[in-house]
Amino acid sequence: MTPNEGLSHCKLALAFAVIMDLLGGAALLVGVFARLQIKGQDYGDLLVYSGALLVVVSLAGWVLWYSGNIEGLTTKKELGHIGSAVDRLARTLSRKMRTRRERH
């Protein structure tokens, strides 16, 4: 087991989540602590709200990264249940991401 093996799956989702967190956190901090006025208009609130939205959007990246790194779960089909459309879609996307990753 290599030290970075936990980060090997879904690197794009991880990068997206980290970048959105950094941008959102920076926008929040600038919006709260800096006085941004252009021609008498205050833009601090805009940065606070957009920073909060970027942090919320980063949660999607974190969920994708986490779910892409789960291994060893048994499927409903292996347990004898019929798989749903969501299960098939998730497996198809996971296979496509893994085969794409293995090519590079």
PDB file of N, CA and C in Angstrom:
ATOM      1  N   MET A   1       0.851  -1.178   0.000  1.00  0.00           N
ATOM      2  CA  MET A   1       0.000   0.000   0.000  1.00  0.00           C
ATOM      3  C   MET A   1       0.896   1.241   0.000  1.00  0.00           C
ATOM      4  N   THR A   2       0.756   2.056  -1.002  1.00  0.00           N
ATOM      5  CA  THR A   2       1.546   3.277  -1.079  1.00  0.00           C
ATOM      6  C   THR A   2       0.913   4.365  -0.220  1.00  0.00           C
ATOM      7  N   PRO A   3       1.708   5.346   0.205  1.00  0.00           N
ATOM      8  CA  PRO A   3       1.155   6.390   1.074  1.00  0.00           C
ATOM      9  C   PRO A   3       0.043   7.216   0.435  1.00  0.00           C
ATOM     10  N   ASN A   4       0.065   7.401  -0.888  1.00  0.00           N
ATOM     11  CA  ASN A   4      -0.940   8.241  -1.562  1.00  0.00           C
ATOM     12  C   ASN A   4      -2.047   7.423  -2.198  1.00  0.00           C
ATOM     13  N   GLU A   5      -2.155   6.149  -1.838  1.00  0.00           N
ATOM     14  CA  GLU A   5      -3.161   5.305  -2.466  1.00  0.00           C
ATOM     15  C   GLU A   5      -4.580   5.778  -2.166  1.00  0.00           C
ATOM     16  N   GLY A   6      -4.821   6.396  -1.023  1.00  0.00           N
ATOM     17  CA  GLY A   6      -6.141   6.888  -0.676  1.00  0.00           C
ATOM     18  C   GLY A   6      -6.593   8.041  -1.550  1.00  0.00           C
ATOM     19  N   LEU A   7      -5.657   8.729  -2.186  1.00  0.00           N
ATOM     20  CA  LEU A   7      -5.996   9.848  -3.053  1.00  0.00           C
ATOM     21  C   LEU A   7      -5.996   9.458  -4.520  1.00  0.00           C
ATOM     22  N   SER A   8      -5.784   8.175  -4.821  1.00  0.00           N
ATOM     23  CA  SER A   8      -5.598   7.783  -6.212  1.00  0.00           C
ATOM     24  C   SER A   8      -6.875   7.812  -7.037  1.00  0.00           C
ATOM     25  N   HIS A   9      -8.009   7.604  -6.417  1.00  0.00           N
ATOM     26  CA  HIS A   9      -9.269   7.599  -7.167  1.00  0.00           C
ATOM     27  C   HIS A   9      -9.862   9.005  -7.187  1.00  0.00           C
ATOM     28  N   CYS A  10     -10.430   9.373  -8.305  1.00  0.00           N
ATOM     29  CA  CYS A  10     -11.197  10.619  -8.446  1.00  0.00           C
ATOM     30  C   CYS A  10     -10.385  11.865  -8.098  1.00  0.00           C
ATOM     31  N   LYS A  11      -9.211  11.979  -8.689  1.00  0.00           N
ATOM     32  CA  LYS A  11      -8.367  13.145  -8.415  1.00  0.00           C
ATOM     33  C   LYS A  11      -9.005  14.440  -8.903  1.00  0.00           C
ATOM     34  N   LEU A  12      -9.750  14.358  -9.979  1.00  0.00           N
ATOM     35  CA  LEU A  12     -10.415  15.546 -10.514  1.00  0.00           C
ATOM     36  C   LEU A  12     -11.464  16.079  -9.527  1.00  0.00           C
ATOM     37  N   ALA A  13     -12.224  15.188  -8.922  1.00  0.00           N
ATOM     38  CA  ALA A  13     -13.227  15.617  -7.934  1.00  0.00           C
ATOM     39  C   ALA A  13     -12.543  16.210  -6.712  1.00  0.00           C
ATOM     40  N   LEU A  14     -11.426  15.631  -6.301  1.00  0.00           N
ATOM     41  CA  LEU A  14     -10.678  16.161  -5.160  1.00  0.00           C
ATOM     42  C   LEU A  14     -10.131  17.551  -5.471  1.00  0.00           C
ATOM     43  N   ALA A  15      -9.553  17.713  -6.652  1.00  0.00           N
ATOM     44  CA  ALA A  15      -9.022  19.022  -7.045  1.00  0.00           C
ATOM     45  C   ALA A  15     -10.139  20.055  -7.120  1.00  0.00           C
ATOM     46  N   PHE A  16     -11.278  19.679  -7.681  1.00  0.00           N
ATOM     47  CA  PHE A  16     -12.429  20.589  -7.758  1.00  0.00           C
ATOM     48  C   PHE A  16     -12.861  21.030  -6.368  1.00  0.00           C
ATOM     49  N   ALA A  17     -12.974  20.071  -5.446  1.00  0.00           N
ATOM     50  CA  ALA A  17     -13.435  20.387  -4.094  1.00  0.00           C
ATOM     51  C   ALA A  17     -12.454  21.304  -3.377  1.00  0.00           C
ATOM     52  N   VAL A  18     -11.183  21.025  -3.499  1.00  0.00           N
ATOM     53  CA  VAL A  18     -10.178  21.848  -2.807  1.00  0.00           C
ATOM     54  C   VAL A  18     -10.141  23.253  -3.394  1.00  0.00           C
ATOM     55  N   ILE A  19     -10.191  23.365  -4.710  1.00  0.00           N
ATOM     56  CA  ILE A  19     -10.152  24.691  -5.350  1.00  0.00           C
ATOM     57  C   ILE A  19     -11.392  25.510  -4.981  1.00  0.00           C
ATOM     58  N   MET A  20     -12.563  24.877  -4.990  1.00  0.00           N
ATOM     59  CA  MET A  20     -13.782  25.594  -4.615  1.00  0.00           C
ATOM     60  C   MET A  20     -13.734  26.023  -3.142  1.00  0.00           C
ATOM     61  N   ASP A  21     -13.182  25.170  -2.276  1.00  0.00           N
ATOM     62  CA  ASP A  21     -13.038  25.550  -0.867  1.00  0.00           C
ATOM     63  C   ASP A  21     -12.096  26.736  -0.707  1.00  0.00           C
ATOM     64  N   LEU A  22     -10.981  26.707  -1.415  1.00  0.00           N
ATOM     65  CA  LEU A  22     -10.018  27.814  -1.315  1.00  0.00           C
ATOM     66  C   LEU A  22     -10.611  29.122  -1.848  1.00  0.00           C
ATOM     67  N   LEU A  23     -11.243  29.048  -3.010  1.00  0.00           N
ATOM     68  CA  LEU A  23     -11.858  30.252  -3.576  1.00  0.00           C
ATOM     69  C   LEU A  23     -12.995  30.772  -2.703  1.00  0.00           C
ATOM     70  N   GLY A  24     -13.829  29.860  -2.205  1.00  0.00           N
ATOM     71  CA  GLY A  24     -14.940  30.267  -1.357  1.00  0.00           C
ATOM     72  C   GLY A  24     -14.468  30.853  -0.042  1.00  0.00           C
ATOM     73  N   GLY A  25     -13.466  30.228   0.561  1.00  0.00           N
ATOM     74  CA  GLY A  25     -12.932  30.760   1.815  1.00  0.00           C
ATOM     75  C   GLY A  25     -12.279  32.112   1.631  1.00  0.00           C
ATOM     76  N   ALA A  26     -11.528  32.268   0.546  1.00  0.00           N
ATOM     77  CA  ALA A  26     -10.894  33.558   0.265  1.00  0.00           C
ATOM     78  C   ALA A  26     -11.946  34.644   0.020  1.00  0.00           C
ATOM     79  N   ALA A  27     -12.984  34.310  -0.743  1.00  0.00           N
ATOM     80  CA  ALA A  27     -14.045  35.296  -1.003  1.00  0.00           C
ATOM     81  C   ALA A  27     -14.761  35.676   0.286  1.00  0.00           C
ATOM     82  N   LEU A  28     -15.022  34.692   1.143  1.00  0.00           N
ATOM     83  CA  LEU A  28     -15.658  34.989   2.424  1.00  0.00           C
ATOM     84  C   LEU A  28     -14.799  35.923   3.274  1.00  0.00           C
ATOM     85  N   LEU A  29     -13.519  35.614   3.384  1.00  0.00           N
ATOM     86  CA  LEU A  29     -12.635  36.433   4.212  1.00  0.00           C
ATOM     87  C   LEU A  29     -12.482  37.845   3.656  1.00  0.00           C
ATOM     88  N   VAL A  30     -12.334  37.958   2.348  1.00  0.00           N
ATOM     89  CA  VAL A  30     -12.207  39.288   1.743  1.00  0.00           C
ATOM     90  C   VAL A  30     -13.508  40.058   1.914  1.00  0.00           C
ATOM     91  N   GLY A  31     -14.640  39.398   1.737  1.00  0.00           N
ATOM     92  CA  GLY A  31     -15.925  40.063   1.882  1.00  0.00           C
ATOM     93  C   GLY A  31     -16.199  40.533   3.297  1.00  0.00           C
ATOM     94  N   VAL A  32     -15.706  39.786   4.287  1.00  0.00           N
ATOM     95  CA  VAL A  32     -15.950  40.163   5.675  1.00  0.00           C
ATOM     96  C   VAL A  32     -14.982  41.242   6.149  1.00  0.00           C
ATOM     97  N   PHE A  33     -13.697  41.098   5.811  1.00  0.00           N
ATOM     98  CA  PHE A  33     -12.688  41.966   6.421  1.00  0.00           C
ATOM     99  C   PHE A  33     -12.232  43.147   5.562  1.00  0.00           C
ATOM    100  N   ALA A  34     -12.437  43.105   4.268  1.00  0.00           N
ATOM    101  CA  ALA A  34     -11.991  44.210   3.412  1.00  0.00           C
ATOM    102  C   ALA A  34     -13.161  45.144   3.113  1.00  0.00           C
ATOM    103  N   ARG A  35     -12.852  46.403   3.000  1.00  0.00           N
ATOM    104  CA  ARG A  35     -13.882  47.383   2.613  1.00  0.00           C
ATOM    105  C   ARG A  35     -13.802  47.570   1.100  1.00  0.00           C
ATOM    106  N   LEU A  36     -14.743  46.997   0.409  1.00  0.00           N
ATOM    107  CA  LEU A  36     -14.749  47.045  -1.047  1.00  0.00           C
ATOM    108  C   LEU A  36     -15.862  47.962  -1.518  1.00  0.00           C
ATOM    109  N   GLN A  37     -15.493  49.164  -1.846  1.00  0.00           N
ATOM    110  CA  GLN A  37     -16.472  50.113  -2.363  1.00  0.00           C
ATOM    111  C   GLN A  37     -15.980  50.645  -3.699  1.00  0.00           C
ATOM    112  N   ILE A  38     -16.823  50.526  -4.690  1.00  0.00           N
ATOM    113  CA  ILE A  38     -16.521  51.062  -6.012  1.00  0.00           C
ATOM    114  C   ILE A  38     -17.645  52.021  -6.365  1.00  0.00           C
ATOM    115  N   LYS A  39     -17.300  53.291  -6.526  1.00  0.00           N
ATOM    116  CA  LYS A  39     -18.268  54.347  -6.835  1.00  0.00           C
ATOM    117  C   LYS A  39     -19.418  54.371  -5.827  1.00  0.00           C
ATOM    118  N   GLY A  40     -19.088  54.197  -4.562  1.00  0.00           N
ATOM    119  CA  GLY A  40     -20.091  54.269  -3.513  1.00  0.00           C
ATOM    120  C   GLY A  40     -20.868  52.992  -3.271  1.00  0.00           C
ATOM    121  N   GLN A  41     -20.669  51.962  -4.069  1.00  0.00           N
ATOM    122  CA  GLN A  41     -21.371  50.687  -3.908  1.00  0.00           C
ATOM    123  C   GLN A  41     -20.498  49.720  -3.095  1.00  0.00           C
ATOM    124  N   ASP A  42     -21.069  49.104  -2.086  1.00  0.00           N
ATOM    125  CA  ASP A  42     -20.348  48.145  -1.260  1.00  0.00           C
ATOM    126  C   ASP A  42     -20.514  46.739  -1.852  1.00  0.00           C
ATOM    127  N   TYR A  43     -19.382  46.073  -2.117  1.00  0.00           N
ATOM    128  CA  TYR A  43     -19.404  44.739  -2.710  1.00  0.00           C
ATOM    129  C   TYR A  43     -19.006  43.650  -1.716  1.00  0.00           C
ATOM    130  N   GLY A  44     -18.946  43.969  -0.444  1.00  0.00           N
ATOM    131  CA  GLY A  44     -18.597  42.979   0.568  1.00  0.00           C
ATOM    132  C   GLY A  44     -19.640  41.878   0.684  1.00  0.00           C
ATOM    133  N   ASP A  45     -20.914  42.254   0.651  1.00  0.00           N
ATOM    134  CA  ASP A  45     -21.978  41.255   0.753  1.00  0.00           C
ATOM    135  C   ASP A  45     -21.962  40.287  -0.427  1.00  0.00           C
ATOM    136  N   LEU A  46     -21.676  40.805  -1.607  1.00  0.00           N
ATOM    137  CA  LEU A  46     -21.599  39.947  -2.788  1.00  0.00           C
ATOM    138  C   LEU A  46     -20.534  38.874  -2.600  1.00  0.00           C
ATOM    139  N   LEU A  47     -19.374  39.266  -2.079  1.00  0.00           N
ATOM    140  CA  LEU A  47     -18.311  38.295  -1.865  1.00  0.00           C
ATOM    141  C   LEU A  47     -18.661  37.302  -0.762  1.00  0.00           C
ATOM    142  N   VAL A  48     -19.324  37.747   0.268  1.00  0.00           N
ATOM    143  CA  VAL A  48     -19.715  36.836   1.349  1.00  0.00           C
ATOM    144  C   VAL A  48     -20.686  35.785   0.816  1.00  0.00           C
ATOM    145  N   TYR A  49     -21.696  36.225   0.091  1.00  0.00           N
ATOM    146  CA  TYR A  49     -22.679  35.275  -0.426  1.00  0.00           C
ATOM    147  C   TYR A  49     -22.089  34.354  -1.487  1.00  0.00           C
ATOM    148  N   SER A  50     -21.298  34.904  -2.392  1.00  0.00           N
ATOM    149  CA  SER A  50     -20.700  34.045  -3.425  1.00  0.00           C
ATOM    150  C   SER A  50     -19.678  33.085  -2.818  1.00  0.00           C
ATOM    151  N   GLY A  51     -18.961  33.511  -1.790  1.00  0.00           N
ATOM    152  CA  GLY A  51     -18.027  32.615  -1.111  1.00  0.00           C
ATOM    153  C   GLY A  51     -18.745  31.467  -0.436  1.00  0.00           C
ATOM    154  N   ALA A  52     -19.871  31.774   0.194  1.00  0.00           N
ATOM    155  CA  ALA A  52     -20.656  30.713   0.830  1.00  0.00           C
ATOM    156  C   ALA A  52     -21.195  29.733  -0.216  1.00  0.00           C
ATOM    157  N   LEU A  53     -21.618  30.242  -1.361  1.00  0.00           N
ATOM    158  CA  LEU A  53     -22.102  29.362  -2.436  1.00  0.00           C
ATOM    159  C   LEU A  53     -20.991  28.480  -2.982  1.00  0.00           C
ATOM    160  N   LEU A  54     -19.787  29.019  -3.109  1.00  0.00           N
ATOM    161  CA  LEU A  54     -18.664  28.208  -3.591  1.00  0.00           C
ATOM    162  C   LEU A  54     -18.323  27.093  -2.606  1.00  0.00           C
ATOM    163  N   VAL A  55     -18.404  27.374  -1.317  1.00  0.00           N
ATOM    164  CA  VAL A  55     -18.146  26.340  -0.322  1.00  0.00           C
ATOM    165  C   VAL A  55     -19.226  25.263  -0.393  1.00  0.00           C
ATOM    166  N   VAL A  56     -20.472  25.647  -0.602  1.00  0.00           N
ATOM    167  CA  VAL A  56     -21.547  24.666  -0.729  1.00  0.00           C
ATOM    168  C   VAL A  56     -21.356  23.827  -1.990  1.00  0.00           C
ATOM    169  N   VAL A  57     -20.941  24.454  -3.091  1.00  0.00           N
ATOM    170  CA  VAL A  57     -20.697  23.716  -4.328  1.00  0.00           C
ATOM    171  C   VAL A  57     -19.543  22.729  -4.146  1.00  0.00           C
ATOM    172  N   SER A  58     -18.560  23.095  -3.331  1.00  0.00           N
ATOM    173  CA  SER A  58     -17.435  22.192  -3.107  1.00  0.00           C
ATOM    174  C   SER A  58     -17.881  20.906  -2.416  1.00  0.00           C
ATOM    175  N   LEU A  59     -18.998  20.955  -1.695  1.00  0.00           N
ATOM    176  CA  LEU A  59     -19.497  19.742  -1.059  1.00  0.00           C
ATOM    177  C   LEU A  59     -19.810  18.656  -2.083  1.00  0.00           C
ATOM    178  N   ALA A  60     -20.256  19.046  -3.260  1.00  0.00           N
ATOM    179  CA  ALA A  60     -20.510  18.058  -4.320  1.00  0.00           C
ATOM    180  C   ALA A  60     -19.218  17.357  -4.709  1.00  0.00           C
ATOM    181  N   GLY A  61     -18.138  18.105  -4.821  1.00  0.00           N
ATOM    182  CA  GLY A  61     -16.841  17.502  -5.127  1.00  0.00           C
ATOM    183  C   GLY A  61     -16.380  16.560  -4.038  1.00  0.00           C
ATOM    184  N   TRP A  62     -16.593  16.948  -2.774  1.00  0.00           N
ATOM    185  CA  TRP A  62     -16.200  16.077  -1.663  1.00  0.00           C
ATOM    186  C   TRP A  62     -17.017  14.793  -1.655  1.00  0.00           C
ATOM    187  N   VAL A  63     -18.309  14.889  -1.942  1.00  0.00           N
ATOM    188  CA  VAL A  63     -19.149  13.690  -1.979  1.00  0.00           C
ATOM    189  C   VAL A  63     -18.723  12.776  -3.121  1.00  0.00           C
ATOM    190  N   LEU A  64     -18.450  13.347  -4.292  1.00  0.00           N
ATOM    191  CA  LEU A  64     -17.989  12.539  -5.423  1.00  0.00           C
ATOM    192  C   LEU A  64     -16.662  11.866  -5.118  1.00  0.00           C
ATOM    193  N   TRP A  65     -15.734  12.596  -4.512  1.00  0.00           N
ATOM    194  CA  TRP A  65     -14.429  12.034  -4.188  1.00  0.00           C
ATOM    195  C   TRP A  65     -14.566  10.920  -3.159  1.00  0.00           C
ATOM    196  N   TYR A  66     -15.356  11.163  -2.136  1.00  0.00           N
ATOM    197  CA  TYR A  66     -15.519  10.154  -1.091  1.00  0.00           C
ATOM    198  C   TYR A  66     -16.192   8.907  -1.640  1.00  0.00           C
ATOM    199  N   SER A  67     -17.258   9.086  -2.393  1.00  0.00           N
ATOM    200  CA  SER A  67     -17.970   7.922  -2.920  1.00  0.00           C
ATOM    201  C   SER A  67     -17.140   7.181  -3.968  1.00  0.00           C
ATOM    202  N   GLY A  68     -16.254   7.874  -4.648  1.00  0.00           N
ATOM    203  CA  GLY A  68     -15.377   7.211  -5.608  1.00  0.00           C
ATOM    204  C   GLY A  68     -14.270   6.414  -4.954  1.00  0.00           C
ATOM    205  N   ASN A  69     -13.980   6.674  -3.697  1.00  0.00           N
ATOM    206  CA  ASN A  69     -12.924   5.959  -2.988  1.00  0.00           C
ATOM    207  C   ASN A  69     -13.442   4.827  -2.117  1.00  0.00           C
ATOM    208  N   ILE A  70     -14.735   4.608  -2.087  1.00  0.00           N
ATOM    209  CA  ILE A  70     -15.287   3.495  -1.305  1.00  0.00           C
ATOM    210  C   ILE A  70     -15.045   2.212  -2.078  1.00  0.00           C
ATOM    211  N   GLU A  71     -14.424   1.265  -1.427  1.00  0.00           N
ATOM    212  CA  GLU A  71     -14.162  -0.024  -2.068  1.00  0.00           C
ATOM    213  C   GLU A  71     -14.639  -1.139  -1.158  1.00  0.00           C
ATOM    214  N   GLY A  72     -14.934  -2.262  -1.750  1.00  0.00           N
ATOM    215  CA  GLY A  72     -15.271  -3.436  -0.971  1.00  0.00           C
ATOM    216  C   GLY A  72     -16.722  -3.552  -0.562  1.00  0.00           C
ATOM    217  N   LEU A  73     -17.588  -2.681  -1.048  1.00  0.00           N
ATOM    218  CA  LEU A  73     -18.997  -2.796  -0.723  1.00  0.00           C
ATOM    219  C   LEU A  73     -19.652  -3.830  -1.632  1.00  0.00           C
ATOM    220  N   THR A  74     -20.509  -4.635  -1.076  1.00  0.00           N
ATOM    221  CA  THR A  74     -21.225  -5.607  -1.893  1.00  0.00           C
ATOM    222  C   THR A  74     -22.422  -4.932  -2.531  1.00  0.00           C
ATOM    223  N   THR A  75     -22.701  -5.308  -3.744  1.00  0.00           N
ATOM    224  CA  THR A  75     -23.843  -4.734  -4.447  1.00  0.00           C
ATOM    225  C   THR A  75     -25.106  -5.513  -4.114  1.00  0.00           C
ATOM    226  N   LYS A  76     -26.239  -4.913  -4.400  1.00  0.00           N
ATOM    227  CA  LYS A  76     -27.506  -5.597  -4.160  1.00  0.00           C
ATOM    228  C   LYS A  76     -27.618  -6.845  -5.026  1.00  0.00           C
ATOM    229  N   LYS A  77     -27.022  -6.792  -6.210  1.00  0.00           N
ATOM    230  CA  LYS A  77     -27.081  -7.935  -7.107  1.00  0.00           C
ATOM    231  C   LYS A  77     -26.332  -9.123  -6.506  1.00  0.00           C
ATOM    232  N   GLU A  78     -25.187  -8.844  -5.864  1.00  0.00           N
ATOM    233  CA  GLU A  78     -24.427  -9.916  -5.225  1.00  0.00           C
ATOM    234  C   GLU A  78     -25.177 -10.491  -4.035  1.00  0.00           C
ATOM    235  N   LEU A  79     -26.005  -9.666  -3.400  1.00  0.00           N
ATOM    236  CA  LEU A  79     -26.785 -10.127  -2.263  1.00  0.00           C
ATOM    237  C   LEU A  79     -28.078 -10.806  -2.699  1.00  0.00           C
ATOM    238  N   GLY A  80     -28.372 -10.793  -3.996  1.00  0.00           N
ATOM    239  CA  GLY A  80     -29.562 -11.448  -4.507  1.00  0.00           C
ATOM    240  C   GLY A  80     -30.703 -10.510  -4.823  1.00  0.00           C
ATOM    241  N   HIS A  81     -30.503  -9.213  -4.702  1.00  0.00           N
ATOM    242  CA  HIS A  81     -31.549  -8.239  -5.011  1.00  0.00           C
ATOM    243  C   HIS A  81     -31.365  -7.724  -6.430  1.00  0.00           C
ATOM    244  N   ILE A  82     -32.429  -7.249  -7.006  1.00  0.00           N
ATOM    245  CA  ILE A  82     -32.361  -6.645  -8.330  1.00  0.00           C
ATOM    246  C   ILE A  82     -31.886  -5.212  -8.162  1.00  0.00           C
ATOM    247  N   GLY A  83     -30.880  -4.807  -8.954  1.00  0.00           N
ATOM    248  CA  GLY A  83     -30.334  -3.458  -8.855  1.00  0.00           C
ATOM    249  C   GLY A  83     -31.276  -2.418  -9.434  1.00  0.00           C
ATOM    250  N   SER A  84     -31.239  -1.241  -8.874  1.00  0.00           N
ATOM    251  CA  SER A  84     -32.085  -0.162  -9.366  1.00  0.00           C
ATOM    252  C   SER A  84     -31.349   0.608 -10.466  1.00  0.00           C
ATOM    253  N   ALA A  85     -32.040   1.527 -11.077  1.00  0.00           N
ATOM    254  CA  ALA A  85     -31.452   2.338 -12.140  1.00  0.00           C
ATOM    255  C   ALA A  85     -30.334   3.216 -11.599  1.00  0.00           C
ATOM    256  N   VAL A  86     -30.485   3.688 -10.365  1.00  0.00           N
ATOM    257  CA  VAL A  86     -29.452   4.525  -9.759  1.00  0.00           C
ATOM    258  C   VAL A  86     -28.187   3.712  -9.534  1.00  0.00           C
ATOM    259  N   ASP A  87     -28.326   2.461  -9.081  1.00  0.00           N
ATOM    260  CA  ASP A  87     -27.168   1.595  -8.888  1.00  0.00           C
ATOM    261  C   ASP A  87     -26.451   1.342 -10.209  1.00  0.00           C
ATOM    262  N   ARG A  88     -27.206   1.081 -11.254  1.00  0.00           N
ATOM    263  CA  ARG A  88     -26.586   0.835 -12.561  1.00  0.00           C
ATOM    264  C   ARG A  88     -25.876   2.078 -13.072  1.00  0.00           C
ATOM    265  N   LEU A  89     -26.494   3.243 -12.895  1.00  0.00           N
ATOM    266  CA  LEU A  89     -25.876   4.490 -13.332  1.00  0.00           C
ATOM    267  C   LEU A  89     -24.583   4.753 -12.563  1.00  0.00           C
ATOM    268  N   ALA A  90     -24.615   4.554 -11.247  1.00  0.00           N
ATOM    269  CA  ALA A  90     -23.416   4.776 -10.428  1.00  0.00           C
ATOM    270  C   ALA A  90     -22.301   3.823 -10.826  1.00  0.00           C
ATOM    271  N   ARG A  91     -22.618   2.549 -11.057  1.00  0.00           N
ATOM    272  CA  ARG A  91     -21.595   1.593 -11.469  1.00  0.00           C
ATOM    273  C   ARG A  91     -21.026   1.931 -12.843  1.00  0.00           C
ATOM    274  N   THR A  92     -21.880   2.351 -13.759  1.00  0.00           N
ATOM    275  CA  THR A  92     -21.421   2.712 -15.097  1.00  0.00           C
ATOM    276  C   THR A  92     -20.483   3.906 -15.042  1.00  0.00           C
ATOM    277  N   LEU A  93     -20.856   4.941 -14.296  1.00  0.00           N
ATOM    278  CA  LEU A  93     -19.982   6.110 -14.165  1.00  0.00           C
ATOM    279  C   LEU A  93     -18.679   5.747 -13.489  1.00  0.00           C
ATOM    280  N   SER A  94     -18.731   4.909 -12.472  1.00  0.00           N
ATOM    281  CA  SER A  94     -17.524   4.499 -11.759  1.00  0.00           C
ATOM    282  C   SER A  94     -16.595   3.721 -12.678  1.00  0.00           C
ATOM    283  N   ARG A  95     -17.158   2.802 -13.470  1.00  0.00           N
ATOM    284  CA  ARG A  95     -16.327   2.035 -14.403  1.00  0.00           C
ATOM    285  C   ARG A  95     -15.672   2.942 -15.438  1.00  0.00           C
ATOM    286  N   LYS A  96     -16.429   3.913 -15.954  1.00  0.00           N
ATOM    287  CA  LYS A  96     -15.871   4.818 -16.960  1.00  0.00           C
ATOM    288  C   LYS A  96     -14.743   5.650 -16.376  1.00  0.00           C
ATOM    289  N   MET A  97     -14.910   6.127 -15.140  1.00  0.00           N
ATOM    290  CA  MET A  97     -13.864   6.932 -14.519  1.00  0.00           C
ATOM    291  C   MET A  97     -12.630   6.082 -14.232  1.00  0.00           C
ATOM    292  N   ARG A  98     -12.829   4.846 -13.801  1.00  0.00           N
ATOM    293  CA  ARG A  98     -11.685   3.980 -13.507  1.00  0.00           C
ATOM    294  C   ARG A  98     -10.945   3.575 -14.777  1.00  0.00           C
ATOM    295  N   THR A  99     -11.669   3.251 -15.861  1.00  0.00           N
ATOM    296  CA  THR A  99     -10.987   2.856 -17.087  1.00  0.00           C
ATOM    297  C   THR A  99     -10.257   4.049 -17.687  1.00  0.00           C
ATOM    298  N   ARG A 100     -10.828   5.206 -17.553  1.00  0.00           N
ATOM    299  CA  ARG A 100     -10.157   6.420 -18.055  1.00  0.00           C
ATOM    300  C   ARG A 100      -8.887   6.675 -17.260  1.00  0.00           C
ATOM    301  N   ARG A 101      -8.950   6.451 -15.941  1.00  0.00           N
ATOM    302  CA  ARG A 101      -7.805   6.669 -15.076  1.00  0.00           C
ATOM    303  C   ARG A 101      -6.711   5.649 -15.370  1.00  0.00           C
ATOM    304  N   GLU A 102      -7.090   4.395 -15.670  1.00  0.00           N
ATOM    305  CA  GLU A 102      -6.111   3.348 -15.926  1.00  0.00           C
ATOM    306  C   GLU A 102      -5.385   3.571 -17.249  1.00  0.00           C
ATOM    307  N   ARG A 103      -6.024   4.227 -18.200  1.00  0.00           N
ATOM    308  CA  ARG A 103      -5.381   4.506 -19.491  1.00  0.00           C
ATOM    309  C   ARG A 103      -4.246   5.495 -19.351  1.00  0.00           C
ATOM    310  N   HIS A 104      -4.364   6.441 -18.390  1.00  0.00           N
ATOM    311  CA  HIS A 104      -3.355   7.498 -18.244  1.00  0.00           C
ATOM    312  C   HIS A 104      -2.233   7.063 -17.382  1.00  0.00           C
TER     313      HIS A 104
END
